[in-house]
Protein backbone atom coordinates (compact mmCIF):
# COMPACT_ATOMS: atom_id res chain seq x y z
CA MET A 1 -87.42 20.77 50.87
CA LEU A 2 -89.99 22.19 48.14
CA LEU A 3 -91.32 18.63 46.74
CA PRO A 4 -91.96 15.60 48.78
CA SER A 5 -90.43 12.28 47.83
CA LEU A 6 -92.69 9.50 46.32
CA LYS A 7 -92.31 6.06 48.63
CA ASP A 8 -92.85 2.90 47.42
CA GLY A 9 -96.32 1.61 47.06
CA ILE A 10 -99.57 3.33 46.01
CA THR A 11 -99.37 7.26 46.72
CA LEU A 12 -102.80 9.13 46.35
CA LEU A 13 -102.65 12.78 45.53
CA ASP A 14 -105.55 14.62 46.20
CA VAL A 15 -105.36 18.12 43.99
CA GLU A 16 -107.53 21.08 45.19
CA GLY A 17 -107.95 23.93 42.52
CA GLY A 18 -108.26 22.04 39.27
CA ARG A 19 -105.73 21.20 36.51
CA GLY A 20 -103.89 24.34 36.54
CA VAL A 21 -101.69 23.25 39.26
CA PRO A 22 -98.87 20.99 37.51
CA ILE A 23 -98.05 19.24 40.84
CA VAL A 24 -98.35 15.65 39.09
CA GLN A 25 -95.94 16.48 36.44
CA SER A 26 -93.57 18.05 38.94
CA LEU A 27 -93.59 15.27 41.14
CA VAL A 28 -92.79 12.84 38.23
CA LEU A 29 -89.93 14.96 36.68
CA ASP A 30 -88.44 15.42 40.31
CA HIS A 31 -88.53 11.58 40.74
CA LEU A 32 -86.80 11.13 37.63
CA LEU A 33 -84.18 13.49 38.54
CA LEU A 34 -83.41 11.52 41.38
CA HIS A 35 -83.68 7.91 40.12
CA ASP A 36 -82.77 6.09 37.15
CA GLY A 37 -84.99 4.04 34.77
CA PRO A 38 -88.30 4.94 32.93
CA ALA A 39 -91.81 6.24 34.15
CA PHE A 40 -94.87 4.67 32.72
CA TRP A 41 -97.88 6.98 32.40
CA VAL A 42 -101.43 5.41 32.18
CA ASP A 43 -103.29 8.68 31.19
CA ALA A 44 -106.99 9.09 31.61
CA ASN A 45 -108.73 10.97 28.54
CA GLY A 46 -106.13 13.70 28.63
CA HIS A 47 -106.63 14.75 32.34
CA ALA A 48 -102.74 15.30 32.67
CA THR A 49 -101.10 16.18 29.41
CA THR A 50 -97.57 15.61 28.27
CA THR A 51 -97.49 19.25 27.04
CA THR A 52 -97.20 20.55 30.52
CA LEU A 53 -94.29 17.90 31.17
CA ALA A 54 -92.53 19.39 28.20
CA GLN A 55 -93.09 23.09 29.41
CA ILE A 56 -91.71 22.57 32.90
CA ALA A 57 -88.92 19.78 32.38
CA PRO A 58 -85.50 21.26 33.31
CA SER A 59 -84.25 18.75 30.28
CA GLN A 60 -85.90 17.41 27.29
CA ARG A 61 -83.78 14.13 27.82
CA LEU A 62 -86.23 13.49 30.81
CA LEU A 63 -89.07 13.29 28.60
CA ASP A 64 -87.64 10.32 26.75
CA ARG A 65 -87.88 8.31 29.98
CA VAL A 66 -91.60 8.94 30.04
CA HIS A 67 -93.74 6.32 28.54
CA VAL A 68 -97.28 7.26 28.03
CA ALA A 69 -100.56 5.23 27.15
CA ARG A 70 -104.04 6.66 26.63
CA GLY A 71 -107.35 5.08 27.54
CA PHE A 72 -110.55 6.75 26.24
CA THR A 73 -112.98 4.48 27.43
CA ALA A 74 -112.99 2.31 30.84
CA SER A 75 -112.05 -0.69 29.08
CA GLN A 76 -108.88 1.15 27.15
CA HIS A 77 -108.07 2.42 30.18
CA TYR A 78 -107.99 -1.13 32.09
CA GLY A 79 -106.27 -2.64 29.06
CA ALA A 80 -103.61 0.00 29.15
CA VAL A 81 -103.14 -0.71 32.83
CA CYS A 82 -103.10 -4.57 32.51
CA ASP A 83 -100.50 -4.38 29.33
CA LEU A 84 -98.13 -2.46 31.42
CA PRO A 85 -95.91 -5.60 31.96
CA THR A 86 -95.65 -5.95 28.33
CA ALA A 87 -94.69 -2.36 27.78
CA VAL A 88 -92.23 -2.60 30.54
CA ASN A 89 -90.59 -5.87 28.93
CA GLN A 90 -90.46 -4.04 25.53
CA ALA A 91 -88.77 -0.84 27.13
CA ILE A 92 -86.00 -3.14 28.91
CA ARG A 93 -85.44 -4.86 25.70
CA ASN A 94 -84.90 -1.43 23.76
CA SER A 95 -82.69 0.00 26.56
CA THR A 96 -80.39 -2.83 26.90
CA THR A 97 -79.81 -3.16 22.91
CA ASP A 98 -79.32 0.61 22.87
CA THR A 99 -75.49 0.76 23.33
CA GLY A 100 -75.65 4.39 25.04
CA THR A 101 -78.20 3.42 27.23
CA ARG A 102 -76.44 0.07 28.16
CA ASP A 103 -73.28 1.70 28.67
CA ARG A 104 -74.40 4.90 30.70
CA GLN A 105 -73.66 5.07 34.44
CA PRO A 106 -76.53 5.60 36.73
CA VAL A 107 -76.87 9.43 36.78
CA GLY A 108 -79.63 9.46 39.84
CA ARG A 109 -79.03 9.73 43.37
CA ASP A 110 -80.45 6.73 44.33
CA GLU A 111 -77.78 3.89 43.46
CA SER A 112 -80.00 1.08 43.94
CA SER A 113 -82.29 2.26 40.86
CA SER A 114 -81.39 0.82 37.51
CA PRO A 115 -81.75 2.81 33.97
CA HIS A 116 -83.56 -0.29 32.54
CA THR A 117 -86.33 -1.10 34.97
CA PRO A 118 -89.32 1.03 35.90
CA SER A 119 -88.83 3.90 38.46
CA LEU A 120 -92.44 5.10 38.76
CA ILE A 121 -95.94 4.23 37.47
CA VAL A 122 -98.36 7.35 37.04
CA ALA A 123 -102.32 6.96 36.90
CA PRO A 124 -103.84 10.28 37.24
CA ALA A 125 -107.76 10.68 37.18
CA VAL A 126 -107.90 6.82 37.80
CA ASP A 127 -111.44 6.98 38.37
CA VAL A 128 -112.69 9.06 35.55
CA GLN A 129 -113.29 6.55 32.98
CA TYR A 130 -115.10 4.11 34.95
CA ARG A 131 -117.28 7.09 36.31
CA SER A 132 -118.12 8.27 33.14
CA ASP A 133 -118.29 5.08 30.71
CA ASP A 134 -121.72 4.45 29.43
CA THR A 135 -120.92 1.01 28.98
CA PHE A 136 -120.68 0.14 32.70
CA ARG A 137 -122.97 1.05 35.35
CA GLY A 138 -123.06 0.55 39.15
CA LYS A 139 -121.31 -2.38 40.37
CA HIS A 140 -119.73 -3.32 37.01
CA ALA A 141 -117.85 0.23 37.01
CA GLU A 142 -117.24 -0.46 40.62
CA THR A 143 -115.66 -3.71 39.78
CA LEU A 144 -113.50 -2.84 36.96
CA GLN A 145 -112.19 0.17 38.81
CA THR A 146 -111.26 -2.15 41.42
CA ARG A 147 -109.44 -4.71 39.26
CA THR A 148 -107.53 -1.50 37.91
CA LEU A 149 -106.41 -0.86 41.32
CA ALA A 150 -105.42 -4.47 42.31
CA GLN A 151 -103.45 -4.38 39.02
CA LEU A 152 -101.74 -1.27 40.19
CA ARG A 153 -101.15 -2.79 43.65
CA THR A 154 -99.33 -5.85 41.85
CA TYR A 155 -96.92 -3.47 40.05
CA ALA A 156 -96.04 -1.40 43.14
CA ASP A 157 -95.32 -4.84 44.84
CA GLY A 158 -93.52 -6.61 41.92
CA TYR A 159 -91.23 -3.86 40.81
CA ASP A 160 -90.56 -2.25 44.34
CA ILE A 161 -91.58 1.33 43.09
CA PRO A 162 -94.11 4.13 43.68
CA VAL A 163 -97.43 4.31 41.98
CA LEU A 164 -98.83 7.80 42.06
CA VAL A 165 -102.45 8.07 41.23
CA THR A 166 -105.07 11.03 41.46
CA ARG A 167 -108.82 10.84 41.43
CA ASN A 168 -111.06 13.11 39.67
CA GLU A 169 -113.71 13.35 42.70
CA ARG A 170 -113.95 12.50 46.24
CA ASN A 171 -117.06 10.51 47.08
CA GLU A 172 -118.22 6.88 47.71
CA PHE A 173 -117.30 5.83 44.27
CA THR A 174 -113.82 6.46 44.92
CA GLU A 175 -113.35 5.64 48.40
CA PRO A 176 -111.69 2.12 47.22
CA VAL A 177 -109.05 4.39 45.62
CA ALA A 178 -107.98 5.96 49.06
CA THR A 179 -108.43 2.44 50.70
CA ALA A 180 -105.92 0.92 48.13
CA ALA A 181 -103.10 3.79 49.01
CA ASP A 182 -100.45 3.35 51.20
CA ASN A 183 -99.80 7.05 51.38
CA HIS A 184 -101.91 10.11 50.98
CA MET A 185 -100.94 13.74 49.87
CA GLU A 186 -103.23 16.90 49.33
CA CYS A 187 -102.19 19.76 47.20
CA GLU A 188 -104.01 23.15 47.26
CA GLN A 189 -103.37 26.26 45.21
CA THR A 190 -102.30 29.11 47.46
CA ARG A 191 -101.51 32.61 46.49
CA MET A 192 -98.00 31.66 46.86
CA GLY A 193 -98.04 28.30 44.96
CA PRO A 194 -98.88 25.05 45.45
CA ARG A 195 -99.00 23.58 48.71
CA VAL A 196 -98.49 20.06 49.42
CA VAL A 197 -99.30 18.36 52.86
CA GLY A 198 -98.42 14.60 53.43
CA ASP A 199 -98.04 12.20 56.31
CA ASP A 200 -94.32 13.41 56.70
CA PHE A 201 -94.11 16.51 54.71
CA GLU A 202 -95.44 19.92 54.64
CA THR A 203 -94.82 22.85 52.08
CA LEU A 204 -93.65 25.53 54.37
CA VAL A 205 -91.58 27.88 52.16
CA TYR A 206 -91.67 29.24 48.73
CA PRO A 207 -88.99 30.04 46.40
CA VAL A 208 -88.46 33.58 45.26
CA GLU A 209 -86.00 35.51 43.11
CA ASP A 210 -82.22 35.24 43.76
CA GLY A 211 -82.71 31.74 45.00
CA ALA A 212 -84.04 33.08 48.17
CA TYR A 213 -87.01 31.28 49.94
CA TYR A 214 -90.13 32.91 51.54
CA GLN A 215 -92.72 31.35 53.79
CA THR A 216 -96.21 32.28 54.67
CA THR A 217 -96.96 29.73 57.44
CA PHE A 218 -96.56 30.05 61.21
CA ALA A 219 -95.70 26.24 61.28
CA TYR A 220 -92.34 27.05 59.64
CA TRP A 221 -91.50 29.57 62.56
CA ARG A 222 -92.79 27.15 65.04
CA GLN A 223 -90.55 24.36 64.01
CA LEU A 224 -87.73 26.68 63.64
CA LEU A 225 -88.05 28.08 67.16
CA ALA A 226 -88.64 24.94 68.72
CA ALA A 227 -85.67 23.39 67.22
CA ARG A 228 -83.42 26.37 68.40
CA ALA A 229 -85.22 26.09 71.88
CA THR A 230 -84.38 22.59 72.03
CA GLN A 231 -80.72 23.38 71.26
CA VAL A 232 -80.16 25.81 73.62
CA GLY A 233 -81.79 23.57 76.32
CA VAL A 234 -85.22 24.96 76.62
CA GLU A 235 -88.17 22.50 76.43
CA PRO A 236 -90.48 23.83 73.78
CA VAL A 237 -94.12 23.86 74.77
CA THR A 238 -97.15 24.33 72.33
CA PRO A 239 -99.52 27.06 73.81
CA ALA A 240 -103.02 26.26 74.30
CA PRO A 241 -105.43 28.32 72.35
CA SER A 242 -106.63 31.31 74.01
CA THR A 243 -110.40 31.51 74.89
CA THR A 244 -110.27 34.86 76.78
CA THR A 245 -110.39 38.48 75.91
CA PRO A 246 -107.17 39.94 74.94
CA GLU A 247 -105.13 41.26 77.83
CA GLY A 248 -104.94 45.09 78.36
CA ILE A 249 -101.84 46.91 77.47
CA GLY A 250 -102.66 49.95 79.20
CA THR A 251 -105.24 52.65 79.61
CA GLY A 252 -107.00 55.33 77.57
CA VAL A 253 -109.46 58.39 78.05
CA THR A 254 -112.78 58.39 76.16
CA ALA A 255 -114.51 61.77 74.67
CA ASP A 256 -116.26 62.05 77.94
CA GLY A 257 -113.23 61.78 80.08
CA GLU A 258 -113.69 58.14 81.25
CA THR A 259 -110.51 56.10 81.99
CA ILE A 260 -110.84 52.81 80.54
CA SER A 261 -108.10 49.77 79.71
CA THR A 262 -107.34 49.33 76.26
CA THR A 263 -106.24 46.15 74.28
CA THR A 264 -104.11 45.50 71.27
CA ASP A 265 -107.43 45.75 69.18
CA PRO A 266 -108.97 49.36 69.14
CA LEU A 267 -112.12 47.85 67.34
CA LEU A 268 -112.89 45.51 70.15
CA ASP A 269 -112.25 48.28 72.67
CA ALA A 270 -115.02 50.25 70.82
CA TRP A 271 -117.18 47.11 70.31
CA THR A 272 -117.08 46.20 74.11
CA ALA A 273 -116.95 49.80 75.76
CA ALA A 274 -119.77 50.18 78.11
CA GLY A 275 -122.55 52.71 77.37
CA THR A 276 -121.53 52.94 73.65
CA GLY A 277 -124.00 50.41 72.43
CA GLY A 278 -121.63 47.48 72.61
CA ARG A 279 -121.88 44.10 74.28
């Protein structure tokens, strides 16, 4: 209800409001709570740090399942992406020789997941190194970024797992990222907290104290009442947006003794009243 589930394939998450929204880390930890298997994180120049992971992780044991590689240049980032199969194979060997891991029963809710094979690949700011590296310019940078996306596509299809990517900027250079994505989500920072919107998910409620939830979107109430209307046999109808002046709610008397009709907005009454300089 609070966080969307990551689907198999490449998911592009666009984050508005800067790095202060730990939505990437939250999605990764939430996925690991529901699935067995490690996550492989290809970091881009510290754009998403593991420090935030440690601060919000409900259990430190989750962090043992996150394998991080860092690329400080375009070549290093591309090399880290290409070396993912080697890292995966090494992790599988380590986990199968570890008695505790080998004998552990799956604890995730997804019975098809394995504690040995990857459950998620993360590549935040997948464009930043190819955009800023002085070694590559123009078509060369675009080509290397495209090869990186092709590799991530191969892993998503080969391992049948989600690949979560973000981009540092939205422009022509990162259009290939959006084209390669199977799913697209957007996150914006609001006064109540991060709000995520996707193809089949929208943040409508926010947690507050005592385990309750608070909502600030009319969409929540529209959906709730539409479901109730269907339950009692009333066909819900979406009202068309009003383009007329608000209907009157009664009459009033001006200082000059004139009787006029009033609306729910007294400022609007004063603005539109005849003879007062209004419209």
